[in-house]
């Protein structure tokens, strides 16, 4: 391979020929890389193989860019950072099953002043769980300095603020980082189809704010605010398979295990009493 062709390869992580240990690039160097790359040019260059096959040719251009440019934070079951890898690799079920790849994620639950919860329906171009209804915003902190800060889950809260703008057009001023309450963490695994899936250590973030929403059609197909009773009806419809309605697996886990009791604290203004960031719930 010529030296010039190396610049066409993604800087993800490298395996030393003399060692089985990975060398992590500093976050600053990852941020500074901005080189367009076609998925067809990607090769097995790192410890985890990127497998861009012919089926990926039909992937939406925006989703393809995010899949190959975004670097997720790899963690172990105790939430200790152990590396980083592309969003593409982290969501391949063969990597999840064979290599137990686990990455950090977050799920935002945004309530308005009437204590209604904002839901979104994921875009039909999403690689995992397209057109599925879920909580306000679900994504990943990236392997970058501002989103690796672990104190008080600040890195995750920074990422949540970024994605609320990206997905729903909610400006940072409407969702100050300090207004997010990190209530807990859960670890779950869920296949989306034969190729893709999720294996996440998910931070559950609550916020109560009246916001202006301008959904990004590349990310979001629809939105709605729901009361508790309306959410219960939505769950019943999903369980009955009515109208082809589906809920994301992570949202359903939160609904079944935590949401209603936490909703009480939202209405009472006592969310801090519900915080448990020591436990990692394995669901």
C-alpha atoms as a PDB file:
ATOM      1  CA  UNK A   1       0.000   0.000   0.000  1.00  0.00           C
ATOM      2  CA  UNK A   2       1.399   3.406  -0.920  1.00  0.00           C
ATOM      3  CA  UNK A   3       1.836   6.100   1.720  1.00  0.00           C
ATOM      4  CA  UNK A   4      -0.682   8.332  -0.010  1.00  0.00           C
ATOM      5  CA  UNK A   5      -3.378   5.663   0.086  1.00  0.00           C
ATOM      6  CA  UNK A   6      -3.150   5.522   3.871  1.00  0.00           C
ATOM      7  CA  UNK A   7      -4.892   8.883   4.009  1.00  0.00           C
ATOM      8  CA  UNK A   8      -7.981   7.260   2.515  1.00  0.00           C
ATOM      9  CA  UNK A   9      -8.329   4.908   5.484  1.00  0.00           C
ATOM     10  CA  UNK A  10     -10.265   5.785   8.682  1.00  0.00           C
ATOM     11  CA  UNK A  11      -8.212   6.386  11.815  1.00  0.00           C
ATOM     12  CA  UNK A  12     -10.033   4.142  14.231  1.00  0.00           C
ATOM     13  CA  UNK A  13      -7.591   1.998  16.154  1.00  0.00           C
ATOM     14  CA  UNK A  14      -4.524  -0.039  15.379  1.00  0.00           C
ATOM     15  CA  UNK A  15      -3.175  -3.375  16.495  1.00  0.00           C
ATOM     16  CA  UNK A  16       0.536  -3.633  17.113  1.00  0.00           C
ATOM     17  CA  UNK A  17       2.161  -6.497  15.198  1.00  0.00           C
ATOM     18  CA  UNK A  18       4.087  -7.435  18.307  1.00  0.00           C
ATOM     19  CA  UNK A  19       1.279  -7.202  20.802  1.00  0.00           C
ATOM     20  CA  UNK A  20      -2.343  -8.200  21.149  1.00  0.00           C
ATOM     21  CA  UNK A  21      -3.141  -4.947  22.975  1.00  0.00           C
ATOM     22  CA  UNK A  22      -4.811  -2.049  21.239  1.00  0.00           C
ATOM     23  CA  UNK A  23      -3.268   1.418  21.215  1.00  0.00           C
ATOM     24  CA  UNK A  24      -5.900   4.085  21.693  1.00  0.00           C
ATOM     25  CA  UNK A  25      -5.530   7.283  19.737  1.00  0.00           C
ATOM     26  CA  UNK A  26      -6.051  10.416  21.859  1.00  0.00           C
ATOM     27  CA  UNK A  27      -9.493  11.977  21.455  1.00  0.00           C
ATOM     28  CA  UNK A  28      -7.954  15.181  20.079  1.00  0.00           C
ATOM     29  CA  UNK A  29      -6.498  13.313  17.126  1.00  0.00           C
ATOM     30  CA  UNK A  30      -9.806  11.621  16.357  1.00  0.00           C
ATOM     31  CA  UNK A  31     -11.566  14.984  16.342  1.00  0.00           C
ATOM     32  CA  UNK A  32      -9.046  16.493  13.968  1.00  0.00           C
ATOM     33  CA  UNK A  33      -9.590  13.853  11.278  1.00  0.00           C
ATOM     34  CA  UNK A  34     -12.082  14.867   8.618  1.00  0.00           C
ATOM     35  CA  UNK A  35     -11.364  12.836   5.517  1.00  0.00           C
ATOM     36  CA  UNK A  36     -14.238  11.761   3.232  1.00  0.00           C
ATOM     37  CA  UNK A  37     -14.158   8.031   2.581  1.00  0.00           C
ATOM     38  CA  UNK A  38     -16.237   5.629   0.586  1.00  0.00           C
ATOM     39  CA  UNK A  39     -17.375   2.534   2.483  1.00  0.00           C
ATOM     40  CA  UNK A  40     -16.255   0.465  -0.512  1.00  0.00           C
ATOM     41  CA  UNK A  41     -12.648   1.425   0.234  1.00  0.00           C
ATOM     42  CA  UNK A  42     -12.729   0.227   3.827  1.00  0.00           C
ATOM     43  CA  UNK A  43     -10.709  -2.882   4.623  1.00  0.00           C
ATOM     44  CA  UNK A  44      -9.890  -5.060   7.605  1.00  0.00           C
ATOM     45  CA  UNK A  45      -7.305  -2.606   8.917  1.00  0.00           C
ATOM     46  CA  UNK A  46      -7.872  -2.697  12.672  1.00  0.00           C
ATOM     47  CA  UNK A  47      -8.484  -5.256  15.387  1.00  0.00           C
ATOM     48  CA  UNK A  48     -12.196  -5.215  14.620  1.00  0.00           C
ATOM     49  CA  UNK A  49     -12.979  -5.784  10.964  1.00  0.00           C
ATOM     50  CA  UNK A  50     -15.130  -3.248   9.140  1.00  0.00           C
ATOM     51  CA  UNK A  51     -17.247  -5.253   6.752  1.00  0.00           C
ATOM     52  CA  UNK A  52     -18.826  -2.994   4.163  1.00  0.00           C
ATOM     53  CA  UNK A  53     -20.593  -5.480   1.941  1.00  0.00           C
ATOM     54  CA  UNK A  54     -22.838  -5.080  -1.059  1.00  0.00           C
ATOM     55  CA  UNK A  55     -25.930  -4.824   1.138  1.00  0.00           C
ATOM     56  CA  UNK A  56     -24.626  -1.513   2.479  1.00  0.00           C
ATOM     57  CA  UNK A  57     -24.778   0.049  -0.983  1.00  0.00           C
ATOM     58  CA  UNK A  58     -28.410   0.989  -0.405  1.00  0.00           C
ATOM     59  CA  UNK A  59     -27.756   2.593   2.983  1.00  0.00           C
ATOM     60  CA  UNK A  60     -28.935   6.182   3.287  1.00  0.00           C
ATOM     61  CA  UNK A  61     -26.047   8.598   2.682  1.00  0.00           C
ATOM     62  CA  UNK A  62     -26.496  10.432   5.997  1.00  0.00           C
ATOM     63  CA  UNK A  63     -26.693   7.199   7.978  1.00  0.00           C
ATOM     64  CA  UNK A  64     -23.679   5.799   6.110  1.00  0.00           C
ATOM     65  CA  UNK A  65     -21.610   8.845   7.029  1.00  0.00           C
ATOM     66  CA  UNK A  66     -22.579   8.529  10.693  1.00  0.00           C
ATOM     67  CA  UNK A  67     -21.913   4.797  10.682  1.00  0.00           C
ATOM     68  CA  UNK A  68     -18.330   5.195   9.504  1.00  0.00           C
ATOM     69  CA  UNK A  69     -17.326   8.567  10.963  1.00  0.00           C
ATOM     70  CA  UNK A  70     -18.814   8.343  14.468  1.00  0.00           C
ATOM     71  CA  UNK A  71     -16.567   6.636  17.025  1.00  0.00           C
ATOM     72  CA  UNK A  72     -18.504   5.017  19.884  1.00  0.00           C
ATOM     73  CA  UNK A  73     -16.972   4.535  23.336  1.00  0.00           C
ATOM     74  CA  UNK A  74     -16.344   0.872  24.108  1.00  0.00           C
ATOM     75  CA  UNK A  75     -16.859  -0.104  27.755  1.00  0.00           C
ATOM     76  CA  UNK A  76     -16.882  -3.241  29.863  1.00  0.00           C
ATOM     77  CA  UNK A  77     -19.817  -4.384  31.992  1.00  0.00           C
ATOM     78  CA  UNK A  78     -18.704  -2.044  34.799  1.00  0.00           C
ATOM     79  CA  UNK A  79     -18.770   0.972  32.427  1.00  0.00           C
ATOM     80  CA  UNK A  80     -14.973   1.251  32.341  1.00  0.00           C
ATOM     81  CA  UNK A  81     -13.713   2.651  29.023  1.00  0.00           C
ATOM     82  CA  UNK A  82     -11.747  -0.022  27.157  1.00  0.00           C
ATOM     83  CA  UNK A  83     -11.464   1.455  23.661  1.00  0.00           C
ATOM     84  CA  UNK A  84     -13.432   2.887  20.771  1.00  0.00           C
ATOM     85  CA  UNK A  85     -14.773   1.735  17.423  1.00  0.00           C
ATOM     86  CA  UNK A  86     -16.974   2.878  14.560  1.00  0.00           C
ATOM     87  CA  UNK A  87     -20.715   2.976  14.959  1.00  0.00           C
ATOM     88  CA  UNK A  88     -20.818   0.483  12.080  1.00  0.00           C
ATOM     89  CA  UNK A  89     -18.726  -2.101  13.890  1.00  0.00           C
ATOM     90  CA  UNK A  90     -20.472  -1.585  17.215  1.00  0.00           C
ATOM     91  CA  UNK A  91     -23.868  -2.409  15.706  1.00  0.00           C
ATOM     92  CA  UNK A  92     -22.957  -5.520  13.716  1.00  0.00           C
ATOM     93  CA  UNK A  93     -24.543  -8.484  15.511  1.00  0.00           C
ATOM     94  CA  UNK A  94     -21.596 -10.708  14.575  1.00  0.00           C
ATOM     95  CA  UNK A  95     -19.284  -8.369  16.521  1.00  0.00           C
ATOM     96  CA  UNK A  96     -21.714  -8.112  19.408  1.00  0.00           C
ATOM     97  CA  UNK A  97     -22.027 -11.883  19.674  1.00  0.00           C
ATOM     98  CA  UNK A  98     -18.487 -12.999  18.807  1.00  0.00           C
ATOM     99  CA  UNK A  99     -16.509 -10.154  20.392  1.00  0.00           C
ATOM    100  CA  UNK A 100     -19.022  -8.968  22.984  1.00  0.00           C
ATOM    101  CA  UNK A 101     -18.640  -5.364  21.826  1.00  0.00           C
ATOM    102  CA  UNK A 102     -20.436  -3.119  24.312  1.00  0.00           C
ATOM    103  CA  UNK A 103     -20.700   0.640  23.869  1.00  0.00           C
ATOM    104  CA  UNK A 104     -21.896   3.554  25.969  1.00  0.00           C
ATOM    105  CA  UNK A 105     -25.237   5.139  25.068  1.00  0.00           C
ATOM    106  CA  UNK A 106     -27.878   7.484  26.456  1.00  0.00           C
ATOM    107  CA  UNK A 107     -31.652   7.812  26.363  1.00  0.00           C
ATOM    108  CA  UNK A 108     -33.243  11.220  26.958  1.00  0.00           C
ATOM    109  CA  UNK A 109     -36.739  11.571  28.410  1.00  0.00           C
ATOM    110  CA  UNK A 110     -37.913  15.152  27.927  1.00  0.00           C
ATOM    111  CA  UNK A 111     -41.128  16.340  29.616  1.00  0.00           C
ATOM    112  CA  UNK A 112     -42.932  19.625  29.045  1.00  0.00           C
ATOM    113  CA  UNK A 113     -44.412  21.789  31.828  1.00  0.00           C
ATOM    114  CA  UNK A 114     -47.643  19.718  31.638  1.00  0.00           C
ATOM    115  CA  UNK A 115     -45.498  16.652  32.440  1.00  0.00           C
ATOM    116  CA  UNK A 116     -46.140  15.088  29.049  1.00  0.00           C
ATOM    117  CA  UNK A 117     -43.324  12.984  27.598  1.00  0.00           C
ATOM    118  CA  UNK A 118     -41.977  13.766  24.122  1.00  0.00           C
ATOM    119  CA  UNK A 119     -41.692  10.651  21.940  1.00  0.00           C
ATOM    120  CA  UNK A 120     -40.151  10.273  18.506  1.00  0.00           C
ATOM    121  CA  UNK A 121     -40.644   7.795  15.705  1.00  0.00           C
ATOM    122  CA  UNK A 122     -37.281   6.924  14.205  1.00  0.00           C
ATOM    123  CA  UNK A 123     -36.746   7.710  10.524  1.00  0.00           C
ATOM    124  CA  UNK A 124     -37.256   4.939   7.992  1.00  0.00           C
ATOM    125  CA  UNK A 125     -33.633   5.461   6.898  1.00  0.00           C
ATOM    126  CA  UNK A 126     -32.276   4.439  10.317  1.00  0.00           C
ATOM    127  CA  UNK A 127     -30.046   1.369  10.090  1.00  0.00           C
ATOM    128  CA  UNK A 128     -31.311  -0.065  13.387  1.00  0.00           C
ATOM    129  CA  UNK A 129     -34.984  -0.090  14.373  1.00  0.00           C
ATOM    130  CA  UNK A 130     -36.410   2.118  11.579  1.00  0.00           C
ATOM    131  CA  UNK A 131     -39.918   3.571  12.104  1.00  0.00           C
ATOM    132  CA  UNK A 132     -39.966   2.383  15.723  1.00  0.00           C
ATOM    133  CA  UNK A 133     -41.407   4.683  18.401  1.00  0.00           C
ATOM    134  CA  UNK A 134     -39.108   5.493  21.276  1.00  0.00           C
ATOM    135  CA  UNK A 135     -38.260   8.064  23.932  1.00  0.00           C
ATOM    136  CA  UNK A 136     -37.277  11.623  23.088  1.00  0.00           C
ATOM    137  CA  UNK A 137     -33.731  10.980  21.893  1.00  0.00           C
ATOM    138  CA  UNK A 138     -31.464   7.896  21.902  1.00  0.00           C
ATOM    139  CA  UNK A 139     -27.849   7.968  20.784  1.00  0.00           C
ATOM    140  CA  UNK A 140     -24.198   7.612  21.842  1.00  0.00           C
ATOM    141  CA  UNK A 141     -21.567   9.809  23.398  1.00  0.00           C
ATOM    142  CA  UNK A 142     -18.623   9.840  21.005  1.00  0.00           C
ATOM    143  CA  UNK A 143     -14.932   9.223  21.586  1.00  0.00           C
ATOM    144  CA  UNK A 144     -14.073  12.876  21.978  1.00  0.00           C
ATOM    145  CA  UNK A 145     -12.802  14.886  24.925  1.00  0.00           C
ATOM    146  CA  UNK A 146     -16.050  16.665  25.797  1.00  0.00           C
ATOM    147  CA  UNK A 147     -18.070  13.426  25.783  1.00  0.00           C
ATOM    148  CA  UNK A 148     -15.612  11.253  27.697  1.00  0.00           C
ATOM    149  CA  UNK A 149     -15.912  13.305  30.908  1.00  0.00           C
ATOM    150  CA  UNK A 150     -17.144  10.868  33.549  1.00  0.00           C
ATOM    151  CA  UNK A 151     -17.665  13.212  36.494  1.00  0.00           C
ATOM    152  CA  UNK A 152     -21.411  13.549  37.121  1.00  0.00           C
ATOM    153  CA  UNK A 153     -21.993  11.963  33.680  1.00  0.00           C
ATOM    154  CA  UNK A 154     -21.018  15.288  32.110  1.00  0.00           C
ATOM    155  CA  UNK A 155     -19.734  13.711  28.891  1.00  0.00           C
ATOM    156  CA  UNK A 156     -23.032  11.913  28.360  1.00  0.00           C
ATOM    157  CA  UNK A 157     -25.010  15.068  29.137  1.00  0.00           C
ATOM    158  CA  UNK A 158     -22.910  17.004  26.611  1.00  0.00           C
ATOM    159  CA  UNK A 159     -23.677  14.333  24.016  1.00  0.00           C
ATOM    160  CA  UNK A 160     -27.394  14.486  24.814  1.00  0.00           C
ATOM    161  CA  UNK A 161     -27.456  18.231  24.239  1.00  0.00           C
ATOM    162  CA  UNK A 162     -25.661  17.751  20.897  1.00  0.00           C
ATOM    163  CA  UNK A 163     -28.061  15.052  19.659  1.00  0.00           C
ATOM    164  CA  UNK A 164     -31.217  16.890  20.716  1.00  0.00           C
ATOM    165  CA  UNK A 165     -30.126  19.599  18.294  1.00  0.00           C
ATOM    166  CA  UNK A 166     -29.119  17.128  15.577  1.00  0.00           C
ATOM    167  CA  UNK A 167     -32.297  15.061  15.724  1.00  0.00           C
ATOM    168  CA  UNK A 168     -35.013  17.416  16.949  1.00  0.00           C
ATOM    169  CA  UNK A 169     -33.650  20.901  16.328  1.00  0.00           C
ATOM    170  CA  UNK A 170     -33.792  21.718  20.036  1.00  0.00           C
ATOM    171  CA  UNK A 171     -31.225  24.447  20.642  1.00  0.00           C
ATOM    172  CA  UNK A 172     -28.712  24.172  23.470  1.00  0.00           C
ATOM    173  CA  UNK A 173     -30.192  27.187  25.278  1.00  0.00           C
ATOM    174  CA  UNK A 174     -33.467  25.278  25.677  1.00  0.00           C
ATOM    175  CA  UNK A 175     -31.778  22.217  27.202  1.00  0.00           C
ATOM    176  CA  UNK A 176     -28.892  23.413  29.418  1.00  0.00           C
ATOM    177  CA  UNK A 177     -26.489  20.615  30.314  1.00  0.00           C
ATOM    178  CA  UNK A 178     -27.019  21.264  34.023  1.00  0.00           C
ATOM    179  CA  UNK A 179     -30.762  20.643  33.665  1.00  0.00           C
ATOM    180  CA  UNK A 180     -30.334  16.961  32.748  1.00  0.00           C
ATOM    181  CA  UNK A 181     -30.715  14.509  35.618  1.00  0.00           C
ATOM    182  CA  UNK A 182     -28.899  11.203  35.150  1.00  0.00           C
ATOM    183  CA  UNK A 183     -31.166   8.785  37.022  1.00  0.00           C
ATOM    184  CA  UNK A 184     -29.527   5.438  36.322  1.00  0.00           C
ATOM    185  CA  UNK A 185     -27.811   3.054  33.928  1.00  0.00           C
ATOM    186  CA  UNK A 186     -28.925  -0.167  32.286  1.00  0.00           C
ATOM    187  CA  UNK A 187     -27.118  -2.776  30.208  1.00  0.00           C
ATOM    188  CA  UNK A 188     -29.118  -4.545  27.509  1.00  0.00           C
ATOM    189  CA  UNK A 189     -28.723  -6.406  24.211  1.00  0.00           C
ATOM    190  CA  UNK A 190     -31.291  -6.363  21.393  1.00  0.00           C
ATOM    191  CA  UNK A 191     -31.099  -7.578  17.770  1.00  0.00           C
ATOM    192  CA  UNK A 192     -32.706  -5.324  15.167  1.00  0.00           C
ATOM    193  CA  UNK A 193     -32.563  -7.790  12.268  1.00  0.00           C
ATOM    194  CA  UNK A 194     -30.215 -10.511  11.098  1.00  0.00           C
ATOM    195  CA  UNK A 195     -27.303  -8.113  10.617  1.00  0.00           C
ATOM    196  CA  UNK A 196     -27.734  -5.217  13.045  1.00  0.00           C
ATOM    197  CA  UNK A 197     -28.420  -4.833  16.743  1.00  0.00           C
ATOM    198  CA  UNK A 198     -27.694  -2.978  19.962  1.00  0.00           C
ATOM    199  CA  UNK A 199     -25.502  -3.850  22.928  1.00  0.00           C
ATOM    200  CA  UNK A 200     -25.411  -0.791  25.112  1.00  0.00           C
ATOM    201  CA  UNK A 201     -24.685   0.505  28.552  1.00  0.00           C
ATOM    202  CA  UNK A 202     -27.396   3.128  28.520  1.00  0.00           C
ATOM    203  CA  UNK A 203     -27.515   6.284  30.657  1.00  0.00           C
ATOM    204  CA  UNK A 204     -31.092   7.360  31.410  1.00  0.00           C
ATOM    205  CA  UNK A 205     -31.396  11.150  31.371  1.00  0.00           C
ATOM    206  CA  UNK A 206     -34.499  13.115  32.417  1.00  0.00           C
ATOM    207  CA  UNK A 207     -35.210  16.779  31.784  1.00  0.00           C
ATOM    208  CA  UNK A 208     -38.303  18.974  32.214  1.00  0.00           C
ATOM    209  CA  UNK A 209     -38.348  21.886  29.758  1.00  0.00           C
ATOM    210  CA  UNK A 210     -40.713  23.575  27.325  1.00  0.00           C
ATOM    211  CA  UNK A 211     -38.851  23.529  24.023  1.00  0.00           C
ATOM    212  CA  UNK A 212     -39.298  24.356  20.367  1.00  0.00           C
ATOM    213  CA  UNK A 213     -38.984  21.205  18.268  1.00  0.00           C
ATOM    214  CA  UNK A 214     -37.946  21.128  14.603  1.00  0.00           C
ATOM    215  CA  UNK A 215     -37.392  17.455  13.722  1.00  0.00           C
ATOM    216  CA  UNK A 216     -34.628  16.509  11.303  1.00  0.00           C
ATOM    217  CA  UNK A 217     -36.256  14.211   8.684  1.00  0.00           C
ATOM    218  CA  UNK A 218     -32.974  12.311   8.272  1.00  0.00           C
ATOM    219  CA  UNK A 219     -33.379  11.179  11.882  1.00  0.00           C
ATOM    220  CA  UNK A 220     -37.033  11.480  12.863  1.00  0.00           C
ATOM    221  CA  UNK A 221     -40.232  10.455  11.063  1.00  0.00           C
ATOM    222  CA  UNK A 222     -42.730  11.828  13.608  1.00  0.00           C
ATOM    223  CA  UNK A 223     -43.061  13.171  17.149  1.00  0.00           C
ATOM    224  CA  UNK A 224     -45.776  13.372  19.788  1.00  0.00           C
ATOM    225  CA  UNK A 225     -46.226  14.357  23.418  1.00  0.00           C
ATOM    226  CA  UNK A 226     -48.042  11.781  25.534  1.00  0.00           C
ATOM    227  CA  UNK A 227     -49.558  11.679  28.986  1.00  0.00           C
ATOM    228  CA  UNK A 228     -49.193   8.601  31.175  1.00  0.00           C
ATOM    229  CA  UNK A 229     -52.535   7.236  30.024  1.00  0.00           C
ATOM    230  CA  UNK A 230     -51.738   7.868  26.380  1.00  0.00           C
ATOM    231  CA  UNK A 231     -48.438   6.027  26.781  1.00  0.00           C
ATOM    232  CA  UNK A 232     -50.228   3.070  28.363  1.00  0.00           C
ATOM    233  CA  UNK A 233     -52.560   2.957  25.347  1.00  0.00           C
ATOM    234  CA  UNK A 234     -49.558   3.103  23.020  1.00  0.00           C
ATOM    235  CA  UNK A 235     -47.999   0.130  24.814  1.00  0.00           C
ATOM    236  CA  UNK A 236     -51.264  -1.830  24.520  1.00  0.00           C
ATOM    237  CA  UNK A 237     -51.405  -1.163  20.780  1.00  0.00           C
ATOM    238  CA  UNK A 238     -47.799  -2.236  20.347  1.00  0.00           C
ATOM    239  CA  UNK A 239     -48.442  -5.437  22.304  1.00  0.00           C
ATOM    240  CA  UNK A 240     -51.486  -6.171  20.150  1.00  0.00           C
ATOM    241  CA  UNK A 241     -49.651  -5.372  16.923  1.00  0.00           C
ATOM    242  CA  UNK A 242     -52.207  -2.710  16.035  1.00  0.00           C
ATOM    243  CA  UNK A 243     -51.438  -0.277  13.205  1.00  0.00           C
ATOM    244  CA  UNK A 244     -48.000  -1.866  12.843  1.00  0.00           C
ATOM    245  CA  UNK A 245     -46.917   0.114  15.878  1.00  0.00           C
ATOM    246  CA  UNK A 246     -43.609  -0.914  17.472  1.00  0.00           C
ATOM    247  CA  UNK A 247     -41.637   0.382  20.454  1.00  0.00           C
ATOM    248  CA  UNK A 248     -37.861   0.282  20.700  1.00  0.00           C
ATOM    249  CA  UNK A 249     -36.559  -2.452  23.023  1.00  0.00           C
ATOM    250  CA  UNK A 250     -34.642  -0.024  25.247  1.00  0.00           C
ATOM    251  CA  UNK A 251     -37.682   2.236  25.635  1.00  0.00           C
ATOM    252  CA  UNK A 252     -39.850  -0.730  26.508  1.00  0.00           C
ATOM    253  CA  UNK A 253     -37.342  -1.850  29.163  1.00  0.00           C
ATOM    254  CA  UNK A 254     -37.481   1.595  30.761  1.00  0.00           C
ATOM    255  CA  UNK A 255     -41.289   1.666  30.577  1.00  0.00           C
ATOM    256  CA  UNK A 256     -41.584  -1.759  32.198  1.00  0.00           C
ATOM    257  CA  UNK A 257     -38.978  -1.241  34.911  1.00  0.00           C
ATOM    258  CA  UNK A 258     -38.633   2.428  35.816  1.00  0.00           C
ATOM    259  CA  UNK A 259     -40.681   5.004  33.960  1.00  0.00           C
ATOM    260  CA  UNK A 260     -43.939   5.220  35.885  1.00  0.00           C
ATOM    261  CA  UNK A 261     -42.331   5.569  39.313  1.00  0.00           C
ATOM    262  CA  UNK A 262     -39.869   8.118  37.922  1.00  0.00           C
ATOM    263  CA  UNK A 263     -42.774   9.986  36.312  1.00  0.00           C
ATOM    264  CA  UNK A 264     -44.138  10.461  39.849  1.00  0.00           C
ATOM    265  CA  UNK A 265     -40.907  12.218  40.788  1.00  0.00           C
ATOM    266  CA  UNK A 266     -41.106  14.372  37.644  1.00  0.00           C
ATOM    267  CA  UNK A 267     -44.547  15.626  38.685  1.00  0.00           C
ATOM    268  CA  UNK A 268     -43.526  16.155  42.316  1.00  0.00           C
ATOM    269  CA  UNK A 269     -40.257  17.870  41.434  1.00  0.00           C
ATOM    270  CA  UNK A 270     -38.305  15.250  43.410  1.00  0.00           C
ATOM    271  CA  UNK A 271     -36.210  13.603  40.655  1.00  0.00           C
ATOM    272  CA  UNK A 272     -33.058  13.824  42.759  1.00  0.00           C
ATOM    273  CA  UNK A 273     -34.596  11.314  45.167  1.00  0.00           C
ATOM    274  CA  UNK A 274     -34.718   8.704  42.388  1.00  0.00           C
ATOM    275  CA  UNK A 275     -31.048   8.943  41.357  1.00  0.00           C
ATOM    276  CA  UNK A 276     -29.095   5.678  41.487  1.00  0.00           C
ATOM    277  CA  UNK A 277     -25.917   5.905  39.441  1.00  0.00           C
ATOM    278  CA  UNK A 278     -24.126   3.185  41.393  1.00  0.00           C
ATOM    279  CA  UNK A 279     -26.236   0.311  40.072  1.00  0.00           C
ATOM    280  CA  UNK A 280     -25.973  -0.981  36.511  1.00  0.00           C
ATOM    281  CA  UNK A 281     -29.266  -2.735  35.818  1.00  0.00           C
ATOM    282  CA  UNK A 282     -28.710  -5.751  33.558  1.00  0.00           C
ATOM    283  CA  UNK A 283     -31.971  -6.237  31.690  1.00  0.00           C
END
